[in-house]
């Protein structure tokens, strides 16, 4: 299984949060867990591909964003959201380079959606 190189600070974040957060392309968690997580994204990508869907994919609870690497092979664009600011920052740093990729922390995105829907006053 491939393993991406990450700086010590990123590895520290993954180790500290290994029961809640992971990057399946980094060998911090056991291989079986990493493979299981990758299989879920490959299943989704295969389904999109076989259905001929090339639209926007919304990955709710995207975590560290590693799924974007797989889904962007198939979809037209990827939007990832997560409640964790640390995970969102990690995702932007290591997976945010693709032009068809947008990553958000959940709270600001929810506020923006509420404003768009007229449920929150605009500032």
N, C-alpha and C. Protein backbone atom coordinates (compact mmCIF):
# COMPACT_ATOMS: atom_id res chain seq x y z
N UNK A 1 0.84 -1.17 0.00
CA UNK A 1 0.00 0.00 0.00
C UNK A 1 0.89 1.24 0.00
N UNK A 2 0.56 2.19 -0.86
CA UNK A 2 1.37 3.41 -0.94
C UNK A 2 1.24 4.21 0.35
N UNK A 3 2.28 5.00 0.63
CA UNK A 3 2.26 5.84 1.81
C UNK A 3 2.90 7.18 1.47
N UNK A 4 2.18 8.25 1.75
CA UNK A 4 2.66 9.59 1.43
C UNK A 4 3.57 10.10 2.54
N UNK A 5 4.52 10.93 2.17
CA UNK A 5 5.40 11.57 3.14
C UNK A 5 4.71 12.81 3.70
N UNK A 6 4.84 13.02 4.99
CA UNK A 6 4.26 14.18 5.65
C UNK A 6 5.26 14.73 6.65
N UNK A 7 5.22 16.04 6.91
CA UNK A 7 6.12 16.62 7.93
C UNK A 7 5.73 16.13 9.33
N UNK A 8 6.64 16.28 10.27
CA UNK A 8 6.45 15.79 11.64
C UNK A 8 5.18 16.36 12.26
N UNK A 9 4.88 17.63 12.04
CA UNK A 9 3.69 18.24 12.64
C UNK A 9 2.41 17.54 12.14
N UNK A 10 2.36 17.20 10.88
CA UNK A 10 1.20 16.50 10.32
C UNK A 10 1.09 15.09 10.88
N UNK A 11 2.20 14.40 10.99
CA UNK A 11 2.20 13.05 11.56
C UNK A 11 1.76 13.10 13.02
N UNK A 12 2.21 14.13 13.74
CA UNK A 12 1.82 14.30 15.13
C UNK A 12 0.31 14.49 15.26
N UNK A 13 -0.27 15.31 14.38
CA UNK A 13 -1.72 15.52 14.38
C UNK A 13 -2.44 14.20 14.14
N UNK A 14 -1.98 13.42 13.16
CA UNK A 14 -2.63 12.14 12.84
C UNK A 14 -2.50 11.15 14.00
N UNK A 15 -1.33 11.10 14.63
CA UNK A 15 -1.13 10.18 15.75
C UNK A 15 -1.98 10.58 16.95
N UNK A 16 -2.02 11.87 17.23
CA UNK A 16 -2.78 12.36 18.38
C UNK A 16 -4.28 12.09 18.22
N UNK A 17 -4.75 12.10 16.97
CA UNK A 17 -6.18 11.94 16.69
C UNK A 17 -6.50 10.64 15.95
N UNK A 18 -5.67 9.64 16.09
CA UNK A 18 -5.77 8.45 15.24
C UNK A 18 -7.07 7.65 15.40
N UNK A 19 -7.78 7.84 16.49
CA UNK A 19 -9.05 7.12 16.65
C UNK A 19 -10.21 7.86 16.02
N UNK A 20 -9.98 9.13 15.68
CA UNK A 20 -11.04 9.95 15.09
C UNK A 20 -10.69 10.45 13.69
N UNK A 21 -9.42 10.68 13.43
CA UNK A 21 -8.96 11.23 12.14
C UNK A 21 -7.91 10.31 11.55
N UNK A 22 -7.86 10.29 10.24
CA UNK A 22 -6.80 9.53 9.58
C UNK A 22 -6.58 10.08 8.18
N UNK A 23 -5.45 9.75 7.61
CA UNK A 23 -5.17 9.97 6.20
C UNK A 23 -4.78 8.60 5.68
N UNK A 24 -5.63 8.02 4.89
CA UNK A 24 -5.41 6.64 4.45
C UNK A 24 -4.17 6.48 3.57
N UNK A 25 -3.59 7.59 3.13
CA UNK A 25 -2.36 7.52 2.33
C UNK A 25 -1.11 7.66 3.19
N UNK A 26 -1.28 7.74 4.51
CA UNK A 26 -0.16 7.87 5.45
C UNK A 26 -0.20 6.68 6.41
N UNK A 27 0.93 6.01 6.55
CA UNK A 27 1.00 4.78 7.35
C UNK A 27 1.07 5.05 8.84
N UNK A 28 0.00 5.65 9.39
CA UNK A 28 -0.11 5.85 10.83
C UNK A 28 -1.04 4.79 11.41
N UNK A 29 -2.16 4.56 10.76
CA UNK A 29 -3.11 3.55 11.20
C UNK A 29 -2.77 2.21 10.55
N UNK A 30 -3.34 1.13 11.10
CA UNK A 30 -3.07 -0.21 10.56
C UNK A 30 -3.58 -0.30 9.11
N UNK A 31 -2.92 -1.14 8.33
CA UNK A 31 -3.24 -1.29 6.91
C UNK A 31 -4.69 -1.66 6.66
N UNK A 32 -5.26 -2.55 7.49
CA UNK A 32 -6.63 -2.99 7.25
C UNK A 32 -7.61 -1.81 7.34
N UNK A 33 -7.39 -0.93 8.30
CA UNK A 33 -8.27 0.25 8.44
C UNK A 33 -8.09 1.20 7.26
N UNK A 34 -6.85 1.42 6.86
CA UNK A 34 -6.57 2.30 5.72
C UNK A 34 -7.21 1.74 4.45
N UNK A 35 -7.06 0.44 4.22
CA UNK A 35 -7.65 -0.20 3.03
C UNK A 35 -9.17 -0.08 3.03
N UNK A 36 -9.78 -0.29 4.20
CA UNK A 36 -11.23 -0.19 4.32
C UNK A 36 -11.71 1.21 3.94
N UNK A 37 -11.05 2.23 4.44
CA UNK A 37 -11.44 3.60 4.13
C UNK A 37 -11.25 3.92 2.64
N UNK A 38 -10.16 3.47 2.08
CA UNK A 38 -9.91 3.70 0.65
C UNK A 38 -10.95 2.97 -0.21
N UNK A 39 -11.33 1.76 0.20
CA UNK A 39 -12.33 0.99 -0.56
C UNK A 39 -13.65 1.73 -0.63
N UNK A 40 -14.04 2.44 0.42
CA UNK A 40 -15.31 3.20 0.40
C UNK A 40 -15.26 4.30 -0.64
N UNK A 41 -14.15 5.01 -0.73
CA UNK A 41 -14.04 6.07 -1.73
C UNK A 41 -13.93 5.49 -3.15
N UNK A 42 -13.23 4.37 -3.28
CA UNK A 42 -13.14 3.73 -4.61
C UNK A 42 -14.51 3.21 -5.05
N UNK A 43 -15.30 2.68 -4.11
CA UNK A 43 -16.66 2.25 -4.42
C UNK A 43 -17.47 3.42 -4.95
N UNK A 44 -17.40 4.56 -4.26
CA UNK A 44 -18.15 5.75 -4.69
C UNK A 44 -17.67 6.22 -6.07
N UNK A 45 -16.36 6.25 -6.27
CA UNK A 45 -15.81 6.68 -7.56
C UNK A 45 -16.23 5.73 -8.68
N UNK A 46 -16.20 4.42 -8.42
CA UNK A 46 -16.62 3.44 -9.43
C UNK A 46 -18.09 3.61 -9.76
N UNK A 47 -18.91 3.86 -8.74
CA UNK A 47 -20.35 4.07 -8.96
C UNK A 47 -20.59 5.31 -9.82
N UNK A 48 -19.91 6.40 -9.50
CA UNK A 48 -20.05 7.63 -10.28
C UNK A 48 -19.62 7.40 -11.73
N UNK A 49 -18.51 6.70 -11.88
CA UNK A 49 -17.97 6.44 -13.22
C UNK A 49 -18.91 5.56 -14.03
N UNK A 50 -19.41 4.47 -13.44
CA UNK A 50 -20.29 3.56 -14.18
C UNK A 50 -21.63 4.22 -14.51
N UNK A 51 -22.06 5.17 -13.70
CA UNK A 51 -23.32 5.88 -13.96
C UNK A 51 -23.10 7.09 -14.89
N UNK A 52 -21.85 7.35 -15.24
CA UNK A 52 -21.54 8.47 -16.12
C UNK A 52 -21.73 9.83 -15.46
N UNK A 53 -21.64 9.87 -14.15
CA UNK A 53 -21.82 11.12 -13.40
C UNK A 53 -20.49 11.84 -13.29
N UNK A 54 -20.45 13.07 -13.81
CA UNK A 54 -19.21 13.87 -13.76
C UNK A 54 -19.44 15.19 -13.04
N UNK A 55 -20.47 15.26 -12.21
CA UNK A 55 -20.83 16.50 -11.55
C UNK A 55 -20.02 16.79 -10.31
N UNK A 56 -20.63 17.55 -9.41
CA UNK A 56 -19.99 17.95 -8.17
C UNK A 56 -20.30 16.91 -7.10
N UNK A 57 -19.28 16.49 -6.37
CA UNK A 57 -19.44 15.57 -5.26
C UNK A 57 -19.29 16.34 -3.96
N UNK A 58 -20.24 16.17 -3.05
CA UNK A 58 -20.16 16.75 -1.72
C UNK A 58 -19.78 15.65 -0.75
N UNK A 59 -18.64 15.80 -0.10
CA UNK A 59 -18.15 14.82 0.87
C UNK A 59 -18.35 15.41 2.26
N UNK A 60 -19.49 15.10 2.87
CA UNK A 60 -19.77 15.57 4.23
C UNK A 60 -18.94 14.75 5.21
N UNK A 61 -18.31 15.42 6.15
CA UNK A 61 -17.40 14.77 7.10
C UNK A 61 -16.17 14.23 6.37
N UNK A 62 -15.57 15.07 5.53
CA UNK A 62 -14.43 14.65 4.70
C UNK A 62 -13.16 14.43 5.49
N UNK A 63 -13.14 14.88 6.75
CA UNK A 63 -11.95 14.66 7.57
C UNK A 63 -10.72 15.32 6.98
N UNK A 64 -9.66 14.54 6.81
CA UNK A 64 -8.39 15.08 6.33
C UNK A 64 -8.34 15.23 4.81
N UNK A 65 -9.42 14.89 4.13
CA UNK A 65 -9.52 15.16 2.70
C UNK A 65 -8.92 14.13 1.76
N UNK A 66 -8.43 13.01 2.27
CA UNK A 66 -7.77 12.03 1.40
C UNK A 66 -8.70 11.46 0.35
N UNK A 67 -10.01 11.42 0.62
CA UNK A 67 -10.97 10.90 -0.35
C UNK A 67 -11.04 11.72 -1.62
N UNK A 68 -10.68 12.99 -1.51
CA UNK A 68 -10.71 13.86 -2.70
C UNK A 68 -9.75 13.36 -3.78
N UNK A 69 -8.65 12.78 -3.36
CA UNK A 69 -7.66 12.27 -4.32
C UNK A 69 -8.28 11.20 -5.22
N UNK A 70 -9.14 10.37 -4.66
CA UNK A 70 -9.79 9.30 -5.42
C UNK A 70 -10.98 9.84 -6.20
N UNK A 71 -11.83 10.62 -5.55
CA UNK A 71 -13.05 11.10 -6.19
C UNK A 71 -12.77 12.07 -7.33
N UNK A 72 -11.70 12.85 -7.25
CA UNK A 72 -11.39 13.79 -8.33
C UNK A 72 -10.94 13.09 -9.61
N UNK A 73 -10.62 11.80 -9.53
CA UNK A 73 -10.31 11.05 -10.75
C UNK A 73 -11.56 10.86 -11.60
N UNK A 74 -12.73 10.95 -10.98
CA UNK A 74 -14.00 10.67 -11.65
C UNK A 74 -14.91 11.88 -11.74
N UNK A 75 -15.06 12.63 -10.65
CA UNK A 75 -16.05 13.69 -10.62
C UNK A 75 -15.54 14.98 -11.26
N UNK A 76 -16.47 15.87 -11.56
CA UNK A 76 -16.12 17.16 -12.15
C UNK A 76 -15.54 18.12 -11.14
N UNK A 77 -16.05 18.07 -9.91
CA UNK A 77 -15.56 18.94 -8.84
C UNK A 77 -15.86 18.27 -7.51
N UNK A 78 -15.14 18.67 -6.48
CA UNK A 78 -15.24 18.07 -5.16
C UNK A 78 -15.38 19.17 -4.12
N UNK A 79 -16.37 19.03 -3.26
CA UNK A 79 -16.52 19.93 -2.11
C UNK A 79 -16.48 19.07 -0.87
N UNK A 80 -15.54 19.33 0.01
CA UNK A 80 -15.42 18.60 1.26
C UNK A 80 -15.72 19.52 2.42
N UNK A 81 -16.50 19.03 3.39
CA UNK A 81 -16.78 19.81 4.59
C UNK A 81 -16.53 18.94 5.81
N UNK A 82 -16.07 19.58 6.88
CA UNK A 82 -15.82 18.86 8.12
C UNK A 82 -15.96 19.82 9.29
N UNK A 83 -16.35 19.31 10.43
CA UNK A 83 -16.54 20.13 11.62
C UNK A 83 -15.20 20.52 12.27
N UNK A 84 -14.17 19.75 12.04
CA UNK A 84 -12.87 19.98 12.68
C UNK A 84 -12.04 20.99 11.89
N UNK A 85 -11.65 22.07 12.56
CA UNK A 85 -10.80 23.06 11.89
C UNK A 85 -9.41 22.48 11.62
N UNK A 86 -8.90 21.62 12.53
CA UNK A 86 -7.59 21.00 12.31
C UNK A 86 -7.61 20.08 11.09
N UNK A 87 -8.67 19.28 10.98
CA UNK A 87 -8.78 18.37 9.83
C UNK A 87 -8.95 19.16 8.54
N UNK A 88 -9.74 20.23 8.57
CA UNK A 88 -9.93 21.06 7.38
C UNK A 88 -8.62 21.71 6.95
N UNK A 89 -7.84 22.17 7.93
CA UNK A 89 -6.54 22.78 7.64
C UNK A 89 -5.60 21.74 7.02
N UNK A 90 -5.58 20.54 7.57
CA UNK A 90 -4.77 19.44 7.03
C UNK A 90 -5.18 19.14 5.59
N UNK A 91 -6.49 19.05 5.36
CA UNK A 91 -7.00 18.75 4.02
C UNK A 91 -6.58 19.81 3.02
N UNK A 92 -6.71 21.07 3.39
CA UNK A 92 -6.30 22.16 2.49
C UNK A 92 -4.81 22.10 2.19
N UNK A 93 -4.02 21.80 3.23
CA UNK A 93 -2.56 21.79 3.06
C UNK A 93 -2.09 20.65 2.16
N UNK A 94 -2.66 19.46 2.34
CA UNK A 94 -2.13 18.30 1.62
C UNK A 94 -2.97 17.86 0.42
N UNK A 95 -4.21 18.33 0.32
CA UNK A 95 -5.05 17.93 -0.81
C UNK A 95 -5.70 19.12 -1.50
N UNK A 96 -5.40 20.33 -1.09
CA UNK A 96 -6.08 21.51 -1.60
C UNK A 96 -5.53 22.10 -2.87
N UNK A 97 -4.58 21.45 -3.52
CA UNK A 97 -3.97 22.02 -4.71
C UNK A 97 -4.75 21.87 -6.00
N UNK A 98 -5.70 20.97 -6.03
CA UNK A 98 -6.46 20.73 -7.27
C UNK A 98 -7.42 21.89 -7.54
N UNK A 99 -7.51 22.32 -8.79
CA UNK A 99 -8.37 23.45 -9.13
C UNK A 99 -9.86 23.12 -8.99
N UNK A 100 -10.22 21.86 -9.02
CA UNK A 100 -11.63 21.46 -8.90
C UNK A 100 -11.99 21.04 -7.48
N UNK A 101 -11.20 21.49 -6.51
CA UNK A 101 -11.35 21.05 -5.12
C UNK A 101 -11.64 22.24 -4.22
N UNK A 102 -12.67 22.10 -3.38
CA UNK A 102 -12.99 23.12 -2.37
C UNK A 102 -13.16 22.40 -1.04
N UNK A 103 -12.51 22.92 -0.01
CA UNK A 103 -12.59 22.33 1.32
C UNK A 103 -13.02 23.40 2.31
N UNK A 104 -13.95 23.05 3.18
CA UNK A 104 -14.50 24.01 4.13
C UNK A 104 -14.61 23.40 5.50
N UNK A 105 -14.48 24.25 6.50
CA UNK A 105 -14.84 23.86 7.86
C UNK A 105 -16.35 24.01 7.94
N UNK A 106 -17.01 23.10 8.58
CA UNK A 106 -18.47 23.01 8.56
C UNK A 106 -19.17 24.26 9.08
N UNK A 107 -18.76 24.79 10.21
CA UNK A 107 -19.48 25.91 10.81
C UNK A 107 -19.57 27.12 9.87
N UNK A 108 -18.48 27.60 9.27
CA UNK A 108 -18.60 28.73 8.35
C UNK A 108 -19.45 28.41 7.11
N UNK A 109 -19.38 27.18 6.63
CA UNK A 109 -20.18 26.81 5.47
C UNK A 109 -21.67 26.83 5.83
N UNK A 110 -22.00 26.29 7.00
CA UNK A 110 -23.40 26.30 7.42
C UNK A 110 -23.91 27.73 7.57
N UNK A 111 -23.09 28.60 8.11
CA UNK A 111 -23.48 30.00 8.26
C UNK A 111 -23.70 30.64 6.89
N UNK A 112 -22.80 30.36 5.95
CA UNK A 112 -22.96 30.91 4.59
C UNK A 112 -24.24 30.39 3.94
N UNK A 113 -24.54 29.11 4.12
CA UNK A 113 -25.77 28.55 3.55
C UNK A 113 -27.01 29.17 4.20
N UNK A 114 -26.96 29.36 5.51
CA UNK A 114 -28.09 29.98 6.21
C UNK A 114 -28.31 31.41 5.71
N UNK A 115 -27.22 32.13 5.44
CA UNK A 115 -27.34 33.50 4.92
C UNK A 115 -27.92 33.48 3.50
N UNK A 116 -27.46 32.54 2.69
CA UNK A 116 -27.98 32.43 1.33
C UNK A 116 -29.49 32.14 1.32
N UNK A 117 -29.92 31.34 2.29
CA UNK A 117 -31.33 30.98 2.38
C UNK A 117 -32.18 32.03 3.12
N UNK A 118 -31.51 33.10 3.56
CA UNK A 118 -32.22 34.16 4.25
C UNK A 118 -32.56 33.83 5.70
N UNK A 119 -31.89 32.85 6.29
CA UNK A 119 -32.16 32.46 7.66
C UNK A 119 -31.27 33.18 8.65
N UNK A 120 -30.24 33.87 8.20
CA UNK A 120 -29.33 34.64 9.05
C UNK A 120 -29.20 36.03 8.46
N UNK A 121 -29.11 37.06 9.30
CA UNK A 121 -28.90 38.39 8.77
C UNK A 121 -27.52 38.53 8.14
N UNK A 122 -27.44 39.26 7.04
CA UNK A 122 -26.13 39.50 6.40
C UNK A 122 -25.40 40.57 7.19
N UNK A 123 -24.10 40.40 7.27
CA UNK A 123 -23.29 41.38 8.00
C UNK A 123 -22.60 42.31 7.05
